[in-house]
Amino acid sequence: QVQLVESGGGLVQSGESLRLSCVASGNSFILGAVGWHRQAPGRQRELIGRITRDGSTNFADSGDGRFTISRDNAKNTVYLEMNSLKPEDTAVYYCDAFSRITTTNKVPHNWGQGTQVTVSS
């Protein structure tokens, strides 16, 4: 099994930046594509973007160019850099990942527990 843990959330003011981390842990796995999502109160969870193992990224409209996704495969960590934050970015931010278990070749899909980001005006 692969566990995902997000961190880096907090309370910031409008216009500031945050970098969230998603760390994967487990035994005998290779971290594949990772996605970042967010869910604001009363709204459905929405995709922000994804990054493949080789670093290719694609984004939905939610970040409007203010968000960057990167990864460090040696650390099994994926980052979400958020700039020029707005109050409407307030949400719980989640990562999800597909991994390959090298001993079984299974490809589990896992979610983290989320980290709260609050942007004050």
PDB file of N, CA and C in Angstrom:
ATOM      1  N   GLN A   1       0.858  -1.185   0.000  1.00  0.00           N
ATOM      2  CA  GLN A   1       0.000   0.000   0.000  1.00  0.00           C
ATOM      3  C   GLN A   1       0.894   1.235   0.000  1.00  0.00           C
ATOM      4  N   VAL A   2       0.368   2.300  -0.582  1.00  0.00           N
ATOM      5  CA  VAL A   2       1.084   3.564  -0.647  1.00  0.00           C
ATOM      6  C   VAL A   2       0.288   4.602   0.117  1.00  0.00           C
ATOM      7  N   GLN A   3       0.959   5.342   0.964  1.00  0.00           N
ATOM      8  CA  GLN A   3       0.307   6.406   1.721  1.00  0.00           C
ATOM      9  C   GLN A   3       0.759   7.758   1.181  1.00  0.00           C
ATOM     10  N   LEU A   4      -0.184   8.684   1.132  1.00  0.00           N
ATOM     11  CA  LEU A   4       0.100  10.043   0.696  1.00  0.00           C
ATOM     12  C   LEU A   4      -0.207  11.005   1.835  1.00  0.00           C
ATOM     13  N   VAL A   5       0.707  11.926   2.082  1.00  0.00           N
ATOM     14  CA  VAL A   5       0.503  12.920   3.133  1.00  0.00           C
ATOM     15  C   VAL A   5       0.787  14.301   2.563  1.00  0.00           C
ATOM     16  N   GLU A   6      -0.229  15.159   2.621  1.00  0.00           N
ATOM     17  CA  GLU A   6      -0.059  16.544   2.189  1.00  0.00           C
ATOM     18  C   GLU A   6       0.355  17.400   3.380  1.00  0.00           C
ATOM     19  N   SER A   7       1.096  18.457   3.096  1.00  0.00           N
ATOM     20  CA  SER A   7       1.469  19.412   4.131  1.00  0.00           C
ATOM     21  C   SER A   7       1.738  20.753   3.482  1.00  0.00           C
ATOM     22  N   GLY A   8       1.884  21.776   4.320  1.00  0.00           N
ATOM     23  CA  GLY A   8       2.225  23.102   3.825  1.00  0.00           C
ATOM     24  C   GLY A   8       1.070  24.076   3.798  1.00  0.00           C
ATOM     25  N   GLY A   9      -0.112  23.606   4.118  1.00  0.00           N
ATOM     26  CA  GLY A   9      -1.248  24.508   4.147  1.00  0.00           C
ATOM     27  C   GLY A   9      -1.180  25.448   5.327  1.00  0.00           C
ATOM     28  N   GLY A  10      -2.083  26.414   5.329  1.00  0.00           N
ATOM     29  CA  GLY A  10      -2.131  27.360   6.434  1.00  0.00           C
ATOM     30  C   GLY A  10      -2.955  28.570   6.078  1.00  0.00           C
ATOM     31  N   LEU A  11      -2.824  29.592   6.906  1.00  0.00           N
ATOM     32  CA  LEU A  11      -3.543  30.850   6.714  1.00  0.00           C
ATOM     33  C   LEU A  11      -2.587  31.877   6.133  1.00  0.00           C
ATOM     34  N   VAL A  12      -2.953  32.426   4.980  1.00  0.00           N
ATOM     35  CA  VAL A  12      -2.140  33.449   4.352  1.00  0.00           C
ATOM     36  C   VAL A  12      -3.027  34.607   3.935  1.00  0.00           C
ATOM     37  N   GLN A  13      -2.399  35.716   3.616  1.00  0.00           N
ATOM     38  CA  GLN A  13      -3.146  36.871   3.132  1.00  0.00           C
ATOM     39  C   GLN A  13      -3.209  36.861   1.609  1.00  0.00           C
ATOM     40  N   SER A  14      -4.190  37.537   1.108  1.00  0.00           N
ATOM     41  CA  SER A  14      -4.366  37.655  -0.336  1.00  0.00           C
ATOM     42  C   SER A  14      -3.082  38.208  -0.970  1.00  0.00           C
ATOM     43  N   GLY A  15      -2.676  37.576  -2.078  1.00  0.00           N
ATOM     44  CA  GLY A  15      -1.467  37.997  -2.775  1.00  0.00           C
ATOM     45  C   GLY A  15      -0.224  37.215  -2.401  1.00  0.00           C
ATOM     46  N   GLU A  16      -0.282  36.505  -1.296  1.00  0.00           N
ATOM     47  CA  GLU A  16       0.881  35.727  -0.855  1.00  0.00           C
ATOM     48  C   GLU A  16       0.967  34.390  -1.588  1.00  0.00           C
ATOM     49  N   SER A  17       2.033  33.660  -1.296  1.00  0.00           N
ATOM     50  CA  SER A  17       2.287  32.378  -1.952  1.00  0.00           C
ATOM     51  C   SER A  17       2.379  31.266  -0.915  1.00  0.00           C
ATOM     52  N   LEU A  18       2.135  30.060  -1.369  1.00  0.00           N
ATOM     53  CA  LEU A  18       2.300  28.866  -0.547  1.00  0.00           C
ATOM     54  C   LEU A  18       2.843  27.752  -1.414  1.00  0.00           C
ATOM     55  N   ARG A  19       3.604  26.857  -0.789  1.00  0.00           N
ATOM     56  CA  ARG A  19       4.020  25.642  -1.466  1.00  0.00           C
ATOM     57  C   ARG A  19       3.542  24.451  -0.652  1.00  0.00           C
ATOM     58  N   LEU A  20       2.704  23.651  -1.285  1.00  0.00           N
ATOM     59  CA  LEU A  20       2.220  22.427  -0.662  1.00  0.00           C
ATOM     60  C   LEU A  20       3.081  21.249  -1.105  1.00  0.00           C
ATOM     61  N   SER A  21       3.192  20.279  -0.212  1.00  0.00           N
ATOM     62  CA  SER A  21       3.936  19.063  -0.520  1.00  0.00           C
ATOM     63  C   SER A  21       3.026  17.855  -0.402  1.00  0.00           C
ATOM     64  N   CYS A  22       3.281  16.877  -1.222  1.00  0.00           N
ATOM     65  CA  CYS A  22       2.590  15.582  -1.165  1.00  0.00           C
ATOM     66  C   CYS A  22       3.683  14.521  -1.136  1.00  0.00           C
ATOM     67  N   VAL A  23       3.820  13.864   0.010  1.00  0.00           N
ATOM     68  CA  VAL A  23       4.875  12.865   0.174  1.00  0.00           C
ATOM     69  C   VAL A  23       4.268  11.471   0.152  1.00  0.00           C
ATOM     70  N   ALA A  24       4.811  10.623  -0.698  1.00  0.00           N
ATOM     71  CA  ALA A  24       4.350   9.237  -0.807  1.00  0.00           C
ATOM     72  C   ALA A  24       5.294   8.320  -0.048  1.00  0.00           C
ATOM     73  N   SER A  25       4.729   7.359   0.643  1.00  0.00           N
ATOM     74  CA  SER A  25       5.547   6.392   1.366  1.00  0.00           C
ATOM     75  C   SER A  25       4.928   5.012   1.258  1.00  0.00           C
ATOM     76  N   GLY A  26       5.753   4.003   1.455  1.00  0.00           N
ATOM     77  CA  GLY A  26       5.289   2.625   1.373  1.00  0.00           C
ATOM     78  C   GLY A  26       6.446   1.731   1.030  1.00  0.00           C
ATOM     79  N   ASN A  27       6.138   0.492   0.710  1.00  0.00           N
ATOM     80  CA  ASN A  27       7.177  -0.480   0.378  1.00  0.00           C
ATOM     81  C   ASN A  27       7.114  -0.850  -1.092  1.00  0.00           C
ATOM     82  N   SER A  28       8.274  -0.918  -1.722  1.00  0.00           N
ATOM     83  CA  SER A  28       8.415  -1.475  -3.072  1.00  0.00           C
ATOM     84  C   SER A  28       7.446  -0.853  -4.070  1.00  0.00           C
ATOM     85  N   PHE A  29       7.481   0.461  -4.181  1.00  0.00           N
ATOM     86  CA  PHE A  29       6.601   1.110  -5.125  1.00  0.00           C
ATOM     87  C   PHE A  29       7.361   2.142  -5.954  1.00  0.00           C
ATOM     88  N   ILE A  30       6.787   2.437  -7.110  1.00  0.00           N
ATOM     89  CA  ILE A  30       7.275   3.516  -7.960  1.00  0.00           C
ATOM     90  C   ILE A  30       6.134   4.504  -8.120  1.00  0.00           C
ATOM     91  N   LEU A  31       6.370   5.725  -7.710  1.00  0.00           N
ATOM     92  CA  LEU A  31       5.329   6.752  -7.774  1.00  0.00           C
ATOM     93  C   LEU A  31       5.141   7.185  -9.219  1.00  0.00           C
ATOM     94  N   GLY A  32       3.906   7.103  -9.679  1.00  0.00           N
ATOM     95  CA  GLY A  32       3.594   7.491 -11.050  1.00  0.00           C
ATOM     96  C   GLY A  32       3.017   8.887 -11.109  1.00  0.00           C
ATOM     97  N   ALA A  33       1.948   9.025 -11.874  1.00  0.00           N
ATOM     98  CA  ALA A  33       1.314  10.328 -12.043  1.00  0.00           C
ATOM     99  C   ALA A  33       0.642  10.766 -10.742  1.00  0.00           C
ATOM    100  N   VAL A  34       0.781  12.048 -10.453  1.00  0.00           N
ATOM    101  CA  VAL A  34       0.195  12.620  -9.232  1.00  0.00           C
ATOM    102  C   VAL A  34      -0.663  13.820  -9.610  1.00  0.00           C
ATOM    103  N   GLY A  35      -1.794  13.921  -8.994  1.00  0.00           N
ATOM    104  CA  GLY A  35      -2.680  15.050  -9.236  1.00  0.00           C
ATOM    105  C   GLY A  35      -2.897  15.865  -7.974  1.00  0.00           C
ATOM    106  N   TRP A  36      -3.166  17.148  -8.182  1.00  0.00           N
ATOM    107  CA  TRP A  36      -3.579  18.024  -7.074  1.00  0.00           C
ATOM    108  C   TRP A  36      -5.021  18.441  -7.329  1.00  0.00           C
ATOM    109  N   HIS A  37      -5.794  18.434  -6.248  1.00  0.00           N
ATOM    110  CA  HIS A  37      -7.204  18.792  -6.306  1.00  0.00           C
ATOM    111  C   HIS A  37      -7.505  19.706  -5.134  1.00  0.00           C
ATOM    112  N   ARG A  38      -8.663  20.343  -5.186  1.00  0.00           N
ATOM    113  CA  ARG A  38      -9.093  21.126  -4.034  1.00  0.00           C
ATOM    114  C   ARG A  38     -10.604  21.057  -3.919  1.00  0.00           C
ATOM    115  N   GLN A  39     -11.058  21.261  -2.680  1.00  0.00           N
ATOM    116  CA  GLN A  39     -12.490  21.258  -2.413  1.00  0.00           C
ATOM    117  C   GLN A  39     -12.807  22.389  -1.458  1.00  0.00           C
ATOM    118  N   ALA A  40     -13.549  23.349  -1.957  1.00  0.00           N
ATOM    119  CA  ALA A  40     -14.001  24.461  -1.132  1.00  0.00           C
ATOM    120  C   ALA A  40     -15.304  24.077  -0.446  1.00  0.00           C
ATOM    121  N   PRO A  41     -15.629  24.726   0.665  1.00  0.00           N
ATOM    122  CA  PRO A  41     -16.871  24.411   1.374  1.00  0.00           C
ATOM    123  C   PRO A  41     -18.090  24.521   0.463  1.00  0.00           C
ATOM    124  N   GLY A  42     -18.905  23.476   0.461  1.00  0.00           N
ATOM    125  CA  GLY A  42     -20.130  23.493  -0.322  1.00  0.00           C
ATOM    126  C   GLY A  42     -19.937  23.262  -1.800  1.00  0.00           C
ATOM    127  N   ARG A  43     -18.716  22.952  -2.214  1.00  0.00           N
ATOM    128  CA  ARG A  43     -18.448  22.755  -3.635  1.00  0.00           C
ATOM    129  C   ARG A  43     -17.855  21.374  -3.871  1.00  0.00           C
ATOM    130  N   GLN A  44     -17.917  20.930  -5.104  1.00  0.00           N
ATOM    131  CA  GLN A  44     -17.343  19.645  -5.455  1.00  0.00           C
ATOM    132  C   GLN A  44     -15.825  19.753  -5.543  1.00  0.00           C
ATOM    133  N   ARG A  45     -15.171  18.624  -5.328  1.00  0.00           N
ATOM    134  CA  ARG A  45     -13.726  18.582  -5.478  1.00  0.00           C
ATOM    135  C   ARG A  45     -13.387  18.829  -6.944  1.00  0.00           C
ATOM    136  N   GLU A  46     -12.375  19.660  -7.182  1.00  0.00           N
ATOM    137  CA  GLU A  46     -11.998  19.970  -8.547  1.00  0.00           C
ATOM    138  C   GLU A  46     -10.505  19.712  -8.769  1.00  0.00           C
ATOM    139  N   LEU A  47     -10.198  19.303  -9.978  1.00  0.00           N
ATOM    140  CA  LEU A  47      -8.815  19.048 -10.353  1.00  0.00           C
ATOM    141  C   LEU A  47      -8.102  20.371 -10.607  1.00  0.00           C
ATOM    142  N   ILE A  48      -6.893  20.468 -10.041  1.00  0.00           N
ATOM    143  CA  ILE A  48      -6.035  21.615 -10.341  1.00  0.00           C
ATOM    144  C   ILE A  48      -5.089  21.254 -11.488  1.00  0.00           C
ATOM    145  N   GLY A  49      -4.416  20.142 -11.371  1.00  0.00           N
ATOM    146  CA  GLY A  49      -3.505  19.700 -12.418  1.00  0.00           C
ATOM    147  C   GLY A  49      -2.844  18.403 -12.043  1.00  0.00           C
ATOM    148  N   ARG A  50      -2.079  17.869 -13.002  1.00  0.00           N
ATOM    149  CA  ARG A  50      -1.395  16.600 -12.809  1.00  0.00           C
ATOM    150  C   ARG A  50       0.026  16.694 -13.318  1.00  0.00           C
ATOM    151  N   ILE A  51       0.869  15.823 -12.764  1.00  0.00           N
ATOM    152  CA  ILE A  51       2.244  15.717 -13.233  1.00  0.00           C
ATOM    153  C   ILE A  51       2.571  14.246 -13.421  1.00  0.00           C
ATOM    154  N   THR A  52       3.187  13.926 -14.562  1.00  0.00           N
ATOM    155  CA  THR A  52       3.601  12.558 -14.805  1.00  0.00           C
ATOM    156  C   THR A  52       4.954  12.303 -14.147  1.00  0.00           C
ATOM    157  N   ARG A  53       5.378  11.053 -14.188  1.00  0.00           N
ATOM    158  CA  ARG A  53       6.645  10.732 -13.542  1.00  0.00           C
ATOM    159  C   ARG A  53       7.822  11.472 -14.203  1.00  0.00           C
ATOM    160  N   ASP A  54       7.714  11.707 -15.500  1.00  0.00           N
ATOM    161  CA  ASP A  54       8.814  12.390 -16.176  1.00  0.00           C
ATOM    162  C   ASP A  54       8.699  13.909 -16.096  1.00  0.00           C
ATOM    163  N   GLY A  55       7.712  14.407 -15.366  1.00  0.00           N
ATOM    164  CA  GLY A  55       7.628  15.843 -15.120  1.00  0.00           C
ATOM    165  C   GLY A  55       6.703  16.618 -16.033  1.00  0.00           C
ATOM    166  N   SER A  56       6.032  15.952 -16.931  1.00  0.00           N
ATOM    167  CA  SER A  56       5.072  16.647 -17.783  1.00  0.00           C
ATOM    168  C   SER A  56       3.840  17.030 -16.967  1.00  0.00           C
ATOM    169  N   THR A  57       3.361  18.244 -17.184  1.00  0.00           N
ATOM    170  CA  THR A  57       2.219  18.724 -16.403  1.00  0.00           C
ATOM    171  C   THR A  57       1.076  19.161 -17.317  1.00  0.00           C
ATOM    172  N   ASN A  58      -0.101  19.079 -16.790  1.00  0.00           N
ATOM    173  CA  ASN A  58      -1.252  19.694 -17.430  1.00  0.00           C
ATOM    174  C   ASN A  58      -2.163  20.223 -16.335  1.00  0.00           C
ATOM    175  N   PHE A  59      -2.851  21.300 -16.642  1.00  0.00           N
ATOM    176  CA  PHE A  59      -3.641  22.011 -15.649  1.00  0.00           C
ATOM    177  C   PHE A  59      -5.069  22.199 -16.130  1.00  0.00           C
ATOM    178  N   ALA A  60      -5.964  22.181 -15.173  1.00  0.00           N
ATOM    179  CA  ALA A  60      -7.339  22.584 -15.429  1.00  0.00           C
ATOM    180  C   ALA A  60      -7.371  24.113 -15.331  1.00  0.00           C
ATOM    181  N   ASP A  61      -8.561  24.670 -15.389  1.00  0.00           N
ATOM    182  CA  ASP A  61      -8.663  26.129 -15.393  1.00  0.00           C
ATOM    183  C   ASP A  61      -8.555  26.760 -14.010  1.00  0.00           C
ATOM    184  N   SER A  62      -8.627  25.938 -12.955  1.00  0.00           N
ATOM    185  CA  SER A  62      -8.804  26.496 -11.613  1.00  0.00           C
ATOM    186  C   SER A  62      -7.628  27.348 -11.165  1.00  0.00           C
ATOM    187  N   GLY A  63      -6.426  27.064 -11.673  1.00  0.00           N
ATOM    188  CA  GLY A  63      -5.282  27.848 -11.210  1.00  0.00           C
ATOM    189  C   GLY A  63      -5.035  29.096 -12.035  1.00  0.00           C
ATOM    190  N   ASP A  64      -5.606  29.204 -13.204  1.00  0.00           N
ATOM    191  CA  ASP A  64      -5.427  30.306 -14.159  1.00  0.00           C
ATOM    192  C   ASP A  64      -3.993  30.795 -14.255  1.00  0.00           C
ATOM    193  N   GLY A  65      -3.043  29.865 -14.303  1.00  0.00           N
ATOM    194  CA  GLY A  65      -1.649  30.211 -14.511  1.00  0.00           C
ATOM    195  C   GLY A  65      -0.887  30.563 -13.256  1.00  0.00           C
ATOM    196  N   ARG A  66      -1.549  30.580 -12.112  1.00  0.00           N
ATOM    197  CA  ARG A  66      -0.872  30.972 -10.874  1.00  0.00           C
ATOM    198  C   ARG A  66      -0.243  29.776 -10.157  1.00  0.00           C
ATOM    199  N   PHE A  67      -0.578  28.569 -10.599  1.00  0.00           N
ATOM    200  CA  PHE A  67      -0.121  27.367  -9.905  1.00  0.00           C
ATOM    201  C   PHE A  67       0.915  26.619 -10.741  1.00  0.00           C
ATOM    202  N   THR A  68       1.889  26.037 -10.066  1.00  0.00           N
ATOM    203  CA  THR A  68       2.935  25.230 -10.692  1.00  0.00           C
ATOM    204  C   THR A  68       3.052  23.916  -9.943  1.00  0.00           C
ATOM    205  N   ILE A  69       3.189  22.827 -10.690  1.00  0.00           N
ATOM    206  CA  ILE A  69       3.394  21.509 -10.085  1.00  0.00           C
ATOM    207  C   ILE A  69       4.770  21.006 -10.477  1.00  0.00           C
ATOM    208  N   SER A  70       5.497  20.493  -9.490  1.00  0.00           N
ATOM    209  CA  SER A  70       6.816  19.922  -9.739  1.00  0.00           C
ATOM    210  C   SER A  70       6.983  18.688  -8.858  1.00  0.00           C
ATOM    211  N   ARG A  71       8.062  17.942  -9.088  1.00  0.00           N
ATOM    212  CA  ARG A  71       8.264  16.735  -8.285  1.00  0.00           C
ATOM    213  C   ARG A  71       9.738  16.433  -8.124  1.00  0.00           C
ATOM    214  N   ASP A  72      10.015  15.688  -7.066  1.00  0.00           N
ATOM    215  CA  ASP A  72      11.352  15.175  -6.791  1.00  0.00           C
ATOM    216  C   ASP A  72      11.195  13.666  -6.618  1.00  0.00           C
ATOM    217  N   ASN A  73      11.508  12.921  -7.659  1.00  0.00           N
ATOM    218  CA  ASN A  73      11.283  11.477  -7.609  1.00  0.00           C
ATOM    219  C   ASN A  73      12.153  10.789  -6.554  1.00  0.00           C
ATOM    220  N   ALA A  74      13.326  11.326  -6.296  1.00  0.00           N
ATOM    221  CA  ALA A  74      14.203  10.732  -5.279  1.00  0.00           C
ATOM    222  C   ALA A  74      13.583  10.822  -3.890  1.00  0.00           C
ATOM    223  N   LYS A  75      12.749  11.822  -3.691  1.00  0.00           N
ATOM    224  CA  LYS A  75      12.096  12.013  -2.389  1.00  0.00           C
ATOM    225  C   LYS A  75      10.641  11.565  -2.409  1.00  0.00           C
ATOM    226  N   ASN A  76      10.195  11.033  -3.542  1.00  0.00           N
ATOM    227  CA  ASN A  76       8.773  10.644  -3.659  1.00  0.00           C
ATOM    228  C   ASN A  76       7.858  11.782  -3.228  1.00  0.00           C
ATOM    229  N   THR A  77       8.174  12.963  -3.689  1.00  0.00           N
ATOM    230  CA  THR A  77       7.449  14.160  -3.266  1.00  0.00           C
ATOM    231  C   THR A  77       7.025  14.974  -4.482  1.00  0.00           C
ATOM    232  N   VAL A  78       5.813  15.456  -4.430  1.00  0.00           N
ATOM    233  CA  VAL A  78       5.272  16.335  -5.461  1.00  0.00           C
ATOM    234  C   VAL A  78       4.852  17.635  -4.792  1.00  0.00           C
ATOM    235  N   TYR A  79       5.108  18.725  -5.469  1.00  0.00           N
ATOM    236  CA  TYR A  79       4.847  20.052  -4.903  1.00  0.00           C
ATOM    237  C   TYR A  79       3.782  20.784  -5.720  1.00  0.00           C
ATOM    238  N   LEU A  80       3.032  21.608  -5.012  1.00  0.00           N
ATOM    239  CA  LEU A  80       2.112  22.544  -5.654  1.00  0.00           C
ATOM    240  C   LEU A  80       2.492  23.931  -5.183  1.00  0.00           C
ATOM    241  N   GLU A  81       3.022  24.726  -6.099  1.00  0.00           N
ATOM    242  CA  GLU A  81       3.387  26.105  -5.796  1.00  0.00           C
ATOM    243  C   GLU A  81       2.225  26.996  -6.213  1.00  0.00           C
ATOM    244  N   MET A  82       1.735  27.781  -5.264  1.00  0.00           N
ATOM    245  CA  MET A  82       0.589  28.652  -5.528  1.00  0.00           C
ATOM    246  C   MET A  82       0.992  30.097  -5.293  1.00  0.00           C
ATOM    247  N   ASN A  83       0.814  30.926  -6.279  1.00  0.00           N
ATOM    248  CA  ASN A  83       1.198  32.329  -6.208  1.00  0.00           C
ATOM    249  C   ASN A  83      -0.021  33.226  -6.321  1.00  0.00           C
ATOM    250  N   SER A  84       0.145  34.458  -5.852  1.00  0.00           N
ATOM    251  CA  SER A  84      -0.926  35.459  -5.935  1.00  0.00           C
ATOM    252  C   SER A  84      -2.245  34.886  -5.443  1.00  0.00           C
ATOM    253  N   LEU A  85      -2.220  34.310  -4.267  1.00  0.00           N
ATOM    254  CA  LEU A  85      -3.407  33.643  -3.745  1.00  0.00           C
ATOM    255  C   LEU A  85      -4.550  34.619  -3.517  1.00  0.00           C
ATOM    256  N   LYS A  86      -5.756  34.121  -3.736  1.00  0.00           N
ATOM    257  CA  LYS A  86      -6.975  34.908  -3.600  1.00  0.00           C
ATOM    258  C   LYS A  86      -7.871  34.240  -2.561  1.00  0.00           C
ATOM    259  N   PRO A  87      -8.787  34.982  -1.960  1.00  0.00           N
ATOM    260  CA  PRO A  87      -9.708  34.353  -0.996  1.00  0.00           C
ATOM    261  C   PRO A  87     -10.470  33.175  -1.596  1.00  0.00           C
ATOM    262  N   GLU A  88     -10.770  33.225  -2.869  1.00  0.00           N
ATOM    263  CA  GLU A  88     -11.500  32.122  -3.499  1.00  0.00           C
ATOM    264  C   GLU A  88     -10.659  30.862  -3.670  1.00  0.00           C
ATOM    265  N   ASP A  89      -9.360  30.933  -3.367  1.00  0.00           N
ATOM    266  CA  ASP A  89      -8.511  29.738  -3.363  1.00  0.00           C
ATOM    267  C   ASP A  89      -8.637  28.971  -2.046  1.00  0.00           C
ATOM    268  N   THR A  90      -9.372  29.517  -1.095  1.00  0.00           N
ATOM    269  CA  THR A  90      -9.566  28.836   0.176  1.00  0.00           C
ATOM    270  C   THR A  90     -10.255  27.494  -0.050  1.00  0.00           C
ATOM    271  N   ALA A  91      -9.623  26.433   0.432  1.00  0.00           N
ATOM    272  CA  ALA A  91     -10.136  25.084   0.208  1.00  0.00           C
ATOM    273  C   ALA A  91      -9.252  24.092   0.947  1.00  0.00           C
ATOM    274  N   VAL A  92      -9.695  22.857   0.968  1.00  0.00           N
ATOM    275  CA  VAL A  92      -8.826  21.757   1.363  1.00  0.00           C
ATOM    276  C   VAL A  92      -8.182  21.223   0.089  1.00  0.00           C
ATOM    277  N   TYR A  93      -6.876  21.096   0.125  1.00  0.00           N
ATOM    278  CA  TYR A  93      -6.114  20.665  -1.041  1.00  0.00           C
ATOM    279  C   TYR A  93      -5.668  19.217  -0.849  1.00  0.00           C
ATOM    280  N   TYR A  94      -5.921  18.407  -1.871  1.00  0.00           N
ATOM    281  CA  TYR A  94      -5.625  16.979  -1.826  1.00  0.00           C
ATOM    282  C   TYR A  94      -4.696  16.591  -2.969  1.00  0.00           C
ATOM    283  N   CYS A  95      -3.896  15.566  -2.733  1.00  0.00           N
ATOM    284  CA  CYS A  95      -3.176  14.944  -3.838  1.00  0.00           C
ATOM    285  C   CYS A  95      -3.672  13.506  -4.006  1.00  0.00           C
ATOM    286  N   ASP A  96      -3.568  13.025  -5.225  1.00  0.00           N
ATOM    287  CA  ASP A  96      -3.845  11.617  -5.502  1.00  0.00           C
ATOM    288  C   ASP A  96      -2.735  11.088  -6.393  1.00  0.00           C
ATOM    289  N   ALA A  97      -2.515   9.804  -6.338  1.00  0.00           N
ATOM    290  CA  ALA A  97      -1.403   9.244  -7.095  1.00  0.00           C
ATOM    291  C   ALA A  97      -1.684   7.822  -7.542  1.00  0.00           C
ATOM    292  N   PHE A  98      -1.164   7.497  -8.706  1.00  0.00           N
ATOM    293  CA  PHE A  98      -1.102   6.127  -9.183  1.00  0.00           C
ATOM    294  C   PHE A  98       0.342   5.659  -9.001  1.00  0.00           C
ATOM    295  N   SER A  99       0.498   4.493  -8.426  1.00  0.00           N
ATOM    296  CA  SER A  99       1.829   3.948  -8.201  1.00  0.00           C
ATOM    297  C   SER A  99       1.873   2.538  -8.741  1.00  0.00           C
ATOM    298  N   ARG A 100       3.082   2.031  -8.918  1.00  0.00           N
ATOM    299  CA  ARG A 100       3.223   0.621  -9.283  1.00  0.00           C
ATOM    300  C   ARG A 100       3.971  -0.084  -8.171  1.00  0.00           C
ATOM    301  N   ILE A 101       3.333  -1.134  -7.674  1.00  0.00           N
ATOM    302  CA  ILE A 101       3.981  -1.961  -6.662  1.00  0.00           C
ATOM    303  C   ILE A 101       4.901  -2.937  -7.393  1.00  0.00           C
ATOM    304  N   THR A 102       6.189  -2.826  -7.150  1.00  0.00           N
ATOM    305  CA  THR A 102       7.152  -3.577  -7.964  1.00  0.00           C
ATOM    306  C   THR A 102       7.100  -5.078  -7.708  1.00  0.00           C
ATOM    307  N   THR A 103       6.620  -5.501  -6.556  1.00  0.00           N
ATOM    308  CA  THR A 103       6.587  -6.934  -6.245  1.00  0.00           C
ATOM    309  C   THR A 103       5.370  -7.624  -6.835  1.00  0.00           C
ATOM    310  N   THR A 104       4.319  -6.858  -7.115  1.00  0.00           N
ATOM    311  CA  THR A 104       3.077  -7.465  -7.611  1.00  0.00           C
ATOM    312  C   THR A 104       2.629  -6.900  -8.950  1.00  0.00           C
ATOM    313  N   ASN A 105       3.229  -5.785  -9.360  1.00  0.00           N
ATOM    314  CA  ASN A 105       2.823  -5.048 -10.560  1.00  0.00           C
ATOM    315  C   ASN A 105       1.421  -4.464 -10.461  1.00  0.00           C
ATOM    316  N   LYS A 106       0.848  -4.460  -9.276  1.00  0.00           N
ATOM    317  CA  LYS A 106      -0.442  -3.793  -9.094  1.00  0.00           C
ATOM    318  C   LYS A 106      -0.237  -2.278  -9.143  1.00  0.00           C
ATOM    319  N   VAL A 107      -1.303  -1.589  -9.531  1.00  0.00           N
ATOM    320  CA  VAL A 107      -1.241  -0.130  -9.655  1.00  0.00           C
ATOM    321  C   VAL A 107      -2.341   0.484  -8.775  1.00  0.00           C
ATOM    322  N   PRO A 108      -2.062   0.675  -7.508  1.00  0.00           N
ATOM    323  CA  PRO A 108      -3.072   1.280  -6.642  1.00  0.00           C
ATOM    324  C   PRO A 108      -3.241   2.773  -6.914  1.00  0.00           C
ATOM    325  N   HIS A 109      -4.414   3.244  -6.605  1.00  0.00           N
ATOM    326  CA  HIS A 109      -4.729   4.672  -6.711  1.00  0.00           C
ATOM    327  C   HIS A 109      -5.038   5.156  -5.301  1.00  0.00           C
ATOM    328  N   ASN A 110      -4.287   6.104  -4.821  1.00  0.00           N
ATOM    329  CA  ASN A 110      -4.422   6.553  -3.438  1.00  0.00           C
ATOM    330  C   ASN A 110      -4.666   8.051  -3.350  1.00  0.00           C
ATOM    331  N   TRP A 111      -5.287   8.441  -2.246  1.00  0.00           N
ATOM    332  CA  TRP A 111      -5.540   9.848  -1.945  1.00  0.00           C
ATOM    333  C   TRP A 111      -4.903  10.187  -0.598  1.00  0.00           C
ATOM    334  N   GLY A 112      -4.485  11.433  -0.487  1.00  0.00           N
ATOM    335  CA  GLY A 112      -4.067  11.934   0.807  1.00  0.00           C
ATOM    336  C   GLY A 112      -5.258  12.432   1.604  1.00  0.00           C
ATOM    337  N   GLN A 113      -4.980  12.878   2.830  1.00  0.00           N
ATOM    338  CA  GLN A 113      -6.052  13.303   3.725  1.00  0.00           C
ATOM    339  C   GLN A 113      -6.385  14.791   3.565  1.00  0.00           C
ATOM    340  N   GLY A 114      -5.554  15.513   2.842  1.00  0.00           N
ATOM    341  CA  GLY A 114      -5.832  16.916   2.581  1.00  0.00           C
ATOM    342  C   GLY A 114      -5.136  17.863   3.539  1.00  0.00           C
ATOM    343  N   THR A 115      -4.910  19.081   3.067  1.00  0.00           N
ATOM    344  CA  THR A 115      -4.357  20.140   3.901  1.00  0.00           C
ATOM    345  C   THR A 115      -5.143  21.414   3.629  1.00  0.00           C
ATOM    346  N   GLN A 116      -5.489  22.112   4.701  1.00  0.00           N
ATOM    347  CA  GLN A 116      -6.344  23.295   4.588  1.00  0.00           C
ATOM    348  C   GLN A 116      -5.522  24.512   4.185  1.00  0.00           C
ATOM    349  N   VAL A 117      -6.022  25.225   3.199  1.00  0.00           N
ATOM    350  CA  VAL A 117      -5.461  26.519   2.805  1.00  0.00           C
ATOM    351  C   VAL A 117      -6.552  27.567   2.973  1.00  0.00           C
ATOM    352  N   THR A 118      -6.249  28.593   3.728  1.00  0.00           N
ATOM    353  CA  THR A 118      -7.189  29.684   3.941  1.00  0.00           C
ATOM    354  C   THR A 118      -6.520  30.983   3.547  1.00  0.00           C
ATOM    355  N   VAL A 119      -7.180  31.720   2.662  1.00  0.00           N
ATOM    356  CA  VAL A 119      -6.635  32.985   2.181  1.00  0.00           C
ATOM    357  C   VAL A 119      -7.540  34.109   2.660  1.00  0.00           C
ATOM    358  N   SER A 120      -6.993  35.004   3.443  1.00  0.00           N
ATOM    359  CA  SER A 120      -7.786  36.121   3.964  1.00  0.00           C
ATOM    360  C   SER A 120      -7.630  37.333   3.052  1.00  0.00           C
ATOM    361  N   SER A 121      -8.678  38.134   3.009  1.00  0.00           N
ATOM    362  CA  SER A 121      -8.649  39.320   2.129  1.00  0.00           C
ATOM    363  C   SER A 121      -8.044  40.520   2.839  1.00  0.00           C
TER     364      SER A 121
END
